[in-house]
N, C-alpha and C. Protein backbone atom coordinates (compact mmCIF):
# COMPACT_ATOMS: atom_id res chain seq x y z
N MET A 1 26.36 -62.46 61.17
CA MET A 1 27.77 -62.62 60.56
C MET A 1 28.42 -61.22 60.53
N ALA A 2 29.91 -61.63 60.91
CA ALA A 2 30.87 -60.58 60.75
C ALA A 2 31.28 -60.16 58.95
N ASP A 3 31.66 -59.20 58.74
CA ASP A 3 32.18 -59.01 57.69
C ASP A 3 33.88 -59.49 57.78
N ALA A 4 34.43 -59.37 56.63
CA ALA A 4 35.91 -59.58 56.40
C ALA A 4 36.79 -58.99 57.55
N THR A 5 36.79 -57.78 57.79
CA THR A 5 37.31 -56.61 58.95
C THR A 5 37.13 -57.18 60.02
N GLU A 6 36.37 -57.93 60.19
CA GLU A 6 35.58 -58.30 61.96
C GLU A 6 36.47 -59.62 62.26
N HIS A 7 36.42 -60.62 61.01
CA HIS A 7 37.12 -61.83 61.49
C HIS A 7 38.39 -62.08 62.03
N LYS A 8 38.76 -62.56 62.90
CA LYS A 8 40.17 -62.84 63.50
C LYS A 8 40.68 -63.56 63.28
N ARG A 9 42.15 -63.29 62.90
CA ARG A 9 43.32 -64.35 62.75
C ARG A 9 44.41 -64.35 63.68
N SER A 10 45.32 -65.56 63.87
CA SER A 10 45.89 -65.20 64.64
C SER A 10 47.21 -64.78 63.91
N PRO A 11 48.46 -64.27 65.08
CA PRO A 11 49.40 -63.97 63.86
C PRO A 11 50.00 -64.60 62.59
N GLU A 12 49.86 -66.08 62.60
CA GLU A 12 50.34 -66.72 61.80
C GLU A 12 49.26 -66.99 60.71
N GLY A 13 48.45 -66.44 60.41
CA GLY A 13 47.39 -66.30 59.44
C GLY A 13 46.30 -67.41 59.71
N TRP A 14 46.10 -68.22 60.82
CA TRP A 14 45.27 -68.88 60.92
C TRP A 14 44.28 -68.25 61.09
N LEU A 15 42.92 -69.14 60.32
CA LEU A 15 41.09 -68.61 60.87
C LEU A 15 40.76 -69.23 61.83
N GLU A 16 39.73 -68.31 62.78
CA GLU A 16 39.41 -68.46 63.99
C GLU A 16 37.85 -69.14 63.54
N VAL A 17 37.40 -70.31 64.28
CA VAL A 17 36.48 -70.81 64.26
C VAL A 17 35.60 -70.27 65.17
N GLU A 18 33.97 -70.11 64.94
CA GLU A 18 33.09 -69.30 65.26
C GLU A 18 31.97 -69.92 65.18
N GLY A 19 31.20 -69.61 66.40
CA GLY A 19 30.16 -70.39 67.01
C GLY A 19 30.08 -70.78 68.57
N GLU A 20 28.80 -70.92 68.81
CA GLU A 20 28.67 -71.50 70.21
C GLU A 20 28.52 -73.13 70.26
N THR A 21 28.57 -73.58 71.30
CA THR A 21 28.17 -74.75 72.08
C THR A 21 26.88 -75.27 71.51
N GLY A 22 26.75 -76.27 70.84
CA GLY A 22 25.40 -76.80 70.30
C GLY A 22 24.85 -76.16 69.13
N LYS A 23 25.32 -75.35 68.56
CA LYS A 23 25.13 -74.90 67.60
C LYS A 23 26.34 -74.99 66.22
N PRO A 24 25.53 -74.73 64.98
CA PRO A 24 26.79 -75.24 64.02
C PRO A 24 28.00 -74.19 63.95
N HIS A 25 29.13 -74.45 63.71
CA HIS A 25 30.64 -73.58 63.64
C HIS A 25 30.43 -73.02 62.23
N THR A 26 31.20 -71.69 61.99
CA THR A 26 31.70 -71.33 61.16
C THR A 26 33.24 -71.31 61.00
N VAL A 27 33.40 -71.02 59.70
CA VAL A 27 35.09 -70.15 59.89
C VAL A 27 35.01 -69.05 58.34
N TYR A 28 35.49 -68.16 58.36
CA TYR A 28 35.24 -67.04 57.12
C TYR A 28 36.34 -67.35 56.25
N CYS A 29 35.53 -67.77 55.23
CA CYS A 29 36.44 -68.19 54.02
C CYS A 29 37.26 -66.93 53.32
N PRO A 30 38.60 -66.64 53.61
CA PRO A 30 38.69 -65.58 52.44
C PRO A 30 38.81 -65.99 50.80
N ARG A 31 38.86 -66.91 50.56
CA ARG A 31 38.78 -67.43 49.11
C ARG A 31 37.20 -66.98 48.75
N GLN A 32 36.17 -67.39 49.48
CA GLN A 32 34.79 -67.46 48.86
C GLN A 32 33.93 -66.21 49.75
N GLU A 33 34.96 -65.53 50.11
CA GLU A 33 34.56 -63.89 51.17
C GLU A 33 33.15 -64.02 51.38
N LYS A 34 32.85 -65.41 52.54
CA LYS A 34 31.64 -65.39 53.34
C LYS A 34 32.09 -66.60 54.44
N ASP A 35 31.51 -66.65 55.43
CA ASP A 35 31.22 -67.63 56.74
C ASP A 35 31.01 -69.11 55.68
N THR A 36 31.87 -69.92 55.99
CA THR A 36 31.62 -71.30 55.46
C THR A 36 31.29 -72.36 56.81
N PRO A 37 30.59 -73.20 56.81
CA PRO A 37 30.27 -74.05 57.67
C PRO A 37 31.39 -74.64 57.76
N LEU A 38 31.99 -75.13 59.12
CA LEU A 38 33.22 -75.96 59.51
C LEU A 38 33.44 -77.25 58.89
N ILE A 39 32.30 -78.00 59.17
CA ILE A 39 32.44 -79.19 58.30
C ILE A 39 32.73 -79.38 56.56
N GLN A 40 32.39 -78.27 56.12
CA GLN A 40 32.98 -77.70 54.74
C GLN A 40 34.22 -77.91 54.59
N CYS A 41 34.52 -76.92 55.46
CA CYS A 41 35.98 -76.71 55.69
C CYS A 41 37.01 -77.81 56.02
N LEU A 42 36.34 -78.56 56.93
CA LEU A 42 37.15 -79.96 57.25
C LEU A 42 37.41 -80.69 56.15
N MET A 43 36.77 -81.10 55.10
CA MET A 43 36.74 -81.55 53.81
C MET A 43 37.34 -81.08 52.58
N CYS A 44 38.08 -79.80 52.55
CA CYS A 44 38.51 -79.19 51.70
C CYS A 44 39.84 -79.50 51.41
N LYS A 45 40.59 -79.77 50.43
CA LYS A 45 41.81 -79.95 50.48
C LYS A 45 43.13 -78.72 51.17
N ARG A 46 42.33 -77.54 50.93
CA ARG A 46 43.06 -76.57 51.52
C ARG A 46 43.02 -76.68 53.08
N TYR A 47 42.44 -77.43 53.62
CA TYR A 47 42.48 -77.42 54.86
C TYR A 47 43.81 -78.44 55.50
N ARG A 48 44.39 -77.70 56.55
CA ARG A 48 45.61 -78.20 57.08
C ARG A 48 45.32 -79.01 58.35
N SER A 49 44.89 -77.98 59.22
CA SER A 49 44.69 -78.59 60.97
C SER A 49 43.84 -77.72 61.63
N LEU A 50 43.61 -78.04 62.72
CA LEU A 50 43.03 -77.41 63.66
C LEU A 50 43.86 -76.96 65.21
N ALA A 51 43.76 -76.07 65.55
CA ALA A 51 44.82 -75.43 66.67
C ALA A 51 44.23 -74.79 68.26
N ILE A 52 44.30 -75.39 69.29
CA ILE A 52 43.45 -74.75 70.28
C ILE A 52 44.70 -73.63 70.68
N ASP A 53 44.26 -71.90 70.82
CA ASP A 53 44.99 -71.19 71.90
C ASP A 53 45.28 -71.70 73.18
N PRO A 54 46.31 -71.04 73.46
CA PRO A 54 46.55 -71.65 75.06
C PRO A 54 45.90 -71.18 75.92
N SER A 55 45.08 -70.47 76.17
CA SER A 55 43.68 -70.06 77.09
C SER A 55 42.49 -71.21 76.85
N GLY A 56 42.77 -72.13 75.69
CA GLY A 56 41.44 -72.90 75.50
C GLY A 56 40.19 -72.38 75.08
N GLN A 57 40.58 -71.21 74.80
CA GLN A 57 39.12 -70.72 74.47
C GLN A 57 38.71 -70.25 72.82
N THR A 58 39.68 -70.34 72.36
CA THR A 58 39.57 -70.46 70.98
C THR A 58 40.39 -71.38 70.19
N ILE A 59 39.48 -71.55 68.99
CA ILE A 59 40.21 -72.64 68.09
C ILE A 59 40.30 -71.80 66.62
N TYR A 60 41.23 -72.43 65.90
CA TYR A 60 41.89 -71.94 64.49
C TYR A 60 41.94 -73.18 63.80
N LEU A 61 41.48 -72.71 62.56
CA LEU A 61 41.52 -73.77 61.07
C LEU A 61 43.11 -73.16 60.53
N ASP A 62 43.98 -73.84 60.06
CA ASP A 62 44.81 -73.53 59.50
C ASP A 62 44.32 -74.02 58.06
N CYS A 63 44.32 -72.87 57.27
CA CYS A 63 44.01 -73.40 55.69
C CYS A 63 44.76 -72.48 54.38
N ASN A 64 45.16 -73.43 53.85
CA ASN A 64 46.29 -72.83 52.76
C ASN A 64 45.30 -72.36 51.07
N HIS A 65 44.62 -71.13 51.81
CA HIS A 65 43.31 -70.66 50.76
C HIS A 65 44.13 -70.02 49.32
N SER A 66 45.01 -70.44 49.35
CA SER A 66 46.03 -69.97 47.84
C SER A 66 46.00 -71.55 47.18
N GLY A 67 45.41 -72.27 48.17
CA GLY A 67 45.84 -73.83 47.32
C GLY A 67 44.66 -74.21 46.13
N PRO A 68 45.19 -75.54 46.01
CA PRO A 68 43.81 -75.90 45.12
C PRO A 68 42.10 -75.79 45.30
N ASP A 69 41.72 -75.77 43.95
CA ASP A 69 40.31 -75.45 44.66
C ASP A 69 39.34 -76.97 44.31
N GLU A 70 40.08 -78.00 44.20
CA GLU A 70 38.91 -79.01 44.19
C GLU A 70 38.70 -79.51 45.88
N PRO A 71 37.72 -80.04 46.05
CA PRO A 71 37.24 -80.85 47.70
C PRO A 71 38.17 -82.12 47.70
N ALA A 72 38.49 -82.46 48.57
CA ALA A 72 39.26 -83.42 49.15
C ALA A 72 38.37 -84.64 48.96
N THR A 73 39.13 -85.78 48.49
CA THR A 73 38.32 -87.02 48.30
C THR A 73 37.88 -87.75 49.86
N ALA A 74 36.91 -88.07 49.33
CA ALA A 74 36.19 -88.74 50.84
C ALA A 74 36.98 -89.73 51.12
N PRO A 75 36.78 -90.55 52.25
CA PRO A 75 37.68 -91.88 52.47
C PRO A 75 37.01 -92.59 52.07
N GLY A 76 37.46 -93.66 51.21
CA GLY A 76 36.87 -94.77 50.67
C GLY A 76 36.15 -94.77 49.45
N ALA A 77 36.45 -93.65 48.77
CA ALA A 77 35.58 -92.89 47.58
C ALA A 77 36.37 -93.69 46.22
């Protein structure tokens, strides 16, 4: 795992999704100050969207990490 200074962000502040094909992907959570499983980020209320850079090599997660702490409500809950 990389430390906070090694994690990449796009100029807009999006967080880079890390991981290799066939292995769990992670995102560095600036709020928790640690790598977090991507699936956990996708269920969080602070999650906004995913984007792929124009080269198709990197995926970024848009996170409002200054937003609310509560997890998102699961569909059908």
